[in-house]
C-alpha atoms as a PDB file:
ATOM      1  CA  MET A   1       2.292  24.627   0.719  1.00  0.00           C
ATOM      2  CA  TYR A   2       1.952  22.004  -2.439  1.00  0.00           C
ATOM      3  CA  ASP A   3      -0.830  20.836  -4.049  1.00  0.00           C
ATOM      4  CA  LEU A   4      -1.002  17.045  -3.155  1.00  0.00           C
ATOM      5  CA  GLU A   5      -4.429  17.043  -4.216  1.00  0.00           C
ATOM      6  CA  GLY A   6      -3.731  18.903  -7.591  1.00  0.00           C
ATOM      7  CA  VAL A   7      -0.410  15.986  -8.420  1.00  0.00           C
ATOM      8  CA  LEU A   8      -2.081  13.355  -7.298  1.00  0.00           C
ATOM      9  CA  GLY A   9      -5.697  13.770  -7.938  1.00  0.00           C
ATOM     10  CA  PRO A  10      -8.987  12.848  -5.346  1.00  0.00           C
ATOM     11  CA  ALA A  11      -8.530   9.461  -6.286  1.00  0.00           C
ATOM     12  CA  VAL A  12      -5.086   8.589  -4.958  1.00  0.00           C
ATOM     13  CA  MET A  13      -5.595  11.147  -2.244  1.00  0.00           C
ATOM     14  CA  GLY A  14      -8.212   9.314  -0.997  1.00  0.00           C
ATOM     15  CA  PHE A  15      -6.972   5.630  -1.420  1.00  0.00           C
ATOM     16  CA  VAL A  16      -3.740   6.841   1.077  1.00  0.00           C
ATOM     17  CA  ASP A  17      -5.271   8.450   3.311  1.00  0.00           C
ATOM     18  CA  GLN A  18      -8.101   5.843   4.342  1.00  0.00           C
ATOM     19  CA  HIS A  19      -5.621   2.879   3.025  1.00  0.00           C
ATOM     20  CA  VAL A  20      -1.671   3.480   3.433  1.00  0.00           C
ATOM     21  CA  ARG A  21      -0.893   3.087   7.519  1.00  0.00           C
ATOM     22  CA  SER A  22       2.653   3.412   7.084  1.00  0.00           C
ATOM     23  CA  LEU A  23       5.958   3.190   4.038  1.00  0.00           C
ATOM     24  CA  LEU A  24       5.668  -1.000   4.696  1.00  0.00           C
ATOM     25  CA  THR A  25       1.717  -1.168   3.702  1.00  0.00           C
ATOM     26  CA  TRP A  26       3.152   0.790   0.568  1.00  0.00           C
ATOM     27  CA  ASP A  27       5.310  -1.486   0.259  1.00  0.00           C
ATOM     28  CA  ILE A  28       2.787  -4.532   0.545  1.00  0.00           C
ATOM     29  CA  LEU A  29       0.426  -2.586  -1.634  1.00  0.00           C
ATOM     30  CA  VAL A  30       3.212  -2.379  -5.154  1.00  0.00           C
ATOM     31  CA  PHE A  31       4.708  -5.700  -4.561  1.00  0.00           C
ATOM     32  CA  PHE A  32       0.823  -7.624  -4.373  1.00  0.00           C
ATOM     33  CA  HIS A  33       0.139  -5.338  -7.088  1.00  0.00           C
ATOM     34  CA  ARG A  34       2.945  -6.147  -9.744  1.00  0.00           C
ATOM     35  CA  ASN A  35       2.741  -9.832  -8.692  1.00  0.00           C
ATOM     36  CA  PRO A  36      -1.115 -10.215  -8.180  1.00  0.00           C
ATOM     37  CA  ASP A  37      -1.008 -13.906  -8.282  1.00  0.00           C
ATOM     38  CA  ALA A  38       1.924 -14.263  -5.014  1.00  0.00           C
ATOM     39  CA  VAL A  39       0.232 -16.563  -2.533  1.00  0.00           C
ATOM     40  CA  LEU A  40       2.571 -16.467   0.655  1.00  0.00           C
ATOM     41  CA  ASP A  41       2.734 -16.535   4.046  1.00  0.00           C
ATOM     42  CA  THR A  42       4.212 -14.065   6.198  1.00  0.00           C
ATOM     43  CA  GLU A  43       7.593 -15.434   6.459  1.00  0.00           C
ATOM     44  CA  GLY A  44       7.950 -15.744   2.680  1.00  0.00           C
ATOM     45  CA  LEU A  45       6.562 -11.848   2.166  1.00  0.00           C
ATOM     46  CA  ALA A  46       8.928 -10.795   4.633  1.00  0.00           C
ATOM     47  CA  SER A  47      11.739 -12.163   2.909  1.00  0.00           C
ATOM     48  CA  ARG A  48      10.105 -10.867  -0.850  1.00  0.00           C
ATOM     49  CA  LEU A  49       9.905  -7.416   1.384  1.00  0.00           C
ATOM     50  CA  GLY A  50      13.442  -7.224   3.279  1.00  0.00           C
ATOM     51  CA  ARG A  51      11.649  -7.031   6.708  1.00  0.00           C
ATOM     52  CA  ARG A  52      10.963  -9.153   9.576  1.00  0.00           C
ATOM     53  CA  ALA A  53       7.398 -11.006   9.591  1.00  0.00           C
ATOM     54  CA  GLU A  54       6.273  -9.318  13.094  1.00  0.00           C
ATOM     55  CA  GLU A  55       6.924  -6.083  11.243  1.00  0.00           C
ATOM     56  CA  LEU A  56       4.360  -7.478   8.241  1.00  0.00           C
ATOM     57  CA  GLU A  57       1.646  -8.738  10.780  1.00  0.00           C
ATOM     58  CA  PRO A  58      -0.086  -5.467  11.620  1.00  0.00           C
ATOM     59  CA  GLU A  59      -0.024  -4.126   8.318  1.00  0.00           C
ATOM     60  CA  VAL A  60      -1.243  -7.311   6.158  1.00  0.00           C
ATOM     61  CA  ALA A  61      -3.869  -7.487   9.024  1.00  0.00           C
ATOM     62  CA  ALA A  62      -5.712  -3.839   8.162  1.00  0.00           C
ATOM     63  CA  LEU A  63      -5.161  -4.708   4.456  1.00  0.00           C
ATOM     64  CA  CYS A  64      -7.259  -7.829   4.977  1.00  0.00           C
ATOM     65  CA  ASP A  65      -9.784  -5.403   6.845  1.00  0.00           C
ATOM     66  CA  SER A  66      -9.640  -3.321   3.843  1.00  0.00           C
ATOM     67  CA  ARG A  67     -10.648  -6.040   2.105  1.00  0.00           C
ATOM     68  CA  ILE A  68      -7.712  -5.878  -0.326  1.00  0.00           C
ATOM     69  CA  LEU A  69      -5.806  -9.071   0.877  1.00  0.00           C
ATOM     70  CA  ALA A  70      -7.478 -12.107   2.165  1.00  0.00           C
ATOM     71  CA  ILE A  71      -5.440 -15.025   4.517  1.00  0.00           C
ATOM     72  CA  ALA A  72      -6.536 -18.662   4.033  1.00  0.00           C
ATOM     73  CA  GLY A  73      -4.422 -21.379   5.761  1.00  0.00           C
ATOM     74  CA  GLY A  74      -1.655 -18.440   7.137  1.00  0.00           C
ATOM     75  CA  LEU A  75      -1.126 -17.884   2.976  1.00  0.00           C
ATOM     76  CA  ILE A  76      -1.909 -13.932   2.308  1.00  0.00           C
ATOM     77  CA  ARG A  77      -3.491 -13.226  -1.647  1.00  0.00           C
ATOM     78  CA  TYR A  78      -4.189  -9.887  -3.345  1.00  0.00           C
ATOM     79  CA  LYS A  79      -7.971 -10.026  -3.336  1.00  0.00           C
ATOM     80  CA  PRO A  80      -9.256  -5.995  -3.872  1.00  0.00           C
ATOM     81  CA  SER A  81     -12.385  -5.391  -6.283  1.00  0.00           C
ATOM     82  CA  PRO A  82     -11.698  -4.511  -9.631  1.00  0.00           C
ATOM     83  CA  GLU A  83     -12.304  -1.160  -8.721  1.00  0.00           C
ATOM     84  CA  MET A  84      -9.854  -1.571  -5.748  1.00  0.00           C
ATOM     85  CA  ARG A  85      -7.770  -3.012  -8.031  1.00  0.00           C
ATOM     86  CA  ASP A  86      -8.011   0.060 -10.363  1.00  0.00           C
ATOM     87  CA  THR A  87      -7.312   2.575  -7.420  1.00  0.00           C
ATOM     88  CA  ILE A  88      -3.902   0.488  -6.183  1.00  0.00           C
ATOM     89  CA  GLY A  89      -2.962   0.448  -9.966  1.00  0.00           C
ATOM     90  CA  ARG A  90      -2.997   4.428  -9.734  1.00  0.00           C
ATOM     91  CA  PHE A  91      -1.424   4.674  -6.609  1.00  0.00           C
ATOM     92  CA  VAL A  92       1.537   2.613  -8.050  1.00  0.00           C
ATOM     93  CA  GLU A  93       1.364   4.208 -11.443  1.00  0.00           C
ATOM     94  CA  SER A  94       1.960   7.676  -9.248  1.00  0.00           C
ATOM     95  CA  CYS A  95       4.869   6.123  -7.748  1.00  0.00           C
ATOM     96  CA  GLN A  96       6.785   5.608 -10.741  1.00  0.00           C
ATOM     97  CA  ASP A  97       6.733   9.311 -11.369  1.00  0.00           C
ATOM     98  CA  ARG A  98       9.449  11.190  -9.267  1.00  0.00           C
ATOM     99  CA  GLY A  99       7.195  14.706  -8.440  1.00  0.00           C
ATOM    100  CA  ARG A 100       4.085  12.389  -7.571  1.00  0.00           C
ATOM    101  CA  ARG A 101       6.354   9.954  -5.510  1.00  0.00           C
ATOM    102  CA  LEU A 102       7.843  12.528  -3.181  1.00  0.00           C
ATOM    103  CA  ALA A 103       3.952  14.264  -2.972  1.00  0.00           C
ATOM    104  CA  LEU A 104       2.838  10.642  -2.078  1.00  0.00           C
ATOM    105  CA  ILE A 105       5.908  10.382   0.351  1.00  0.00           C
ATOM    106  CA  ALA A 106       4.964  13.719   1.984  1.00  0.00           C
ATOM    107  CA  LEU A 107       1.274  12.445   2.171  1.00  0.00           C
ATOM    108  CA  VAL A 108       2.410   9.065   4.173  1.00  0.00           C
ATOM    109  CA  LEU A 109       4.869  10.776   6.777  1.00  0.00           C
ATOM    110  CA  HIS A 110       2.486  13.464   7.555  1.00  0.00           C
ATOM    111  CA  LYS A 111       0.528  10.307   8.721  1.00  0.00           C
ATOM    112  CA  ILE A 112       2.657   8.494  10.096  1.00  0.00           C
ATOM    113  CA  ASN A 113       4.163  12.258  12.191  1.00  0.00           C
ATOM    114  CA  PRO A 114       1.718  15.456  11.551  1.00  0.00           C
ATOM    115  CA  ALA A 115       4.456  17.345  13.115  1.00  0.00           C
ATOM    116  CA  TYR A 116       6.030  16.669   9.364  1.00  0.00           C
END
């Protein structure tokens, strides 16, 4: 078995386990981390990600529950604590390295379908 914690580190592993529900959540996190000043409604975010707005709603709601995103007046903003922003930064940085990205994909797919 692949040593995911050895490849990703405990902080990123814990973050993925707790906050990355799907590959769509992953896309939302990367988008807002790279565009921290973006303020969009669900339709605007869906357009940026090439998705349907109704697909985003449960993922955005979960990220709001985790205090990573905030919604006010129908507008979505990136609002993690400084510590969470650092952890998300490590997650996004991990996405840049092929080996770590593959480990992340395996981890998320296993969460979606434990038989994977």
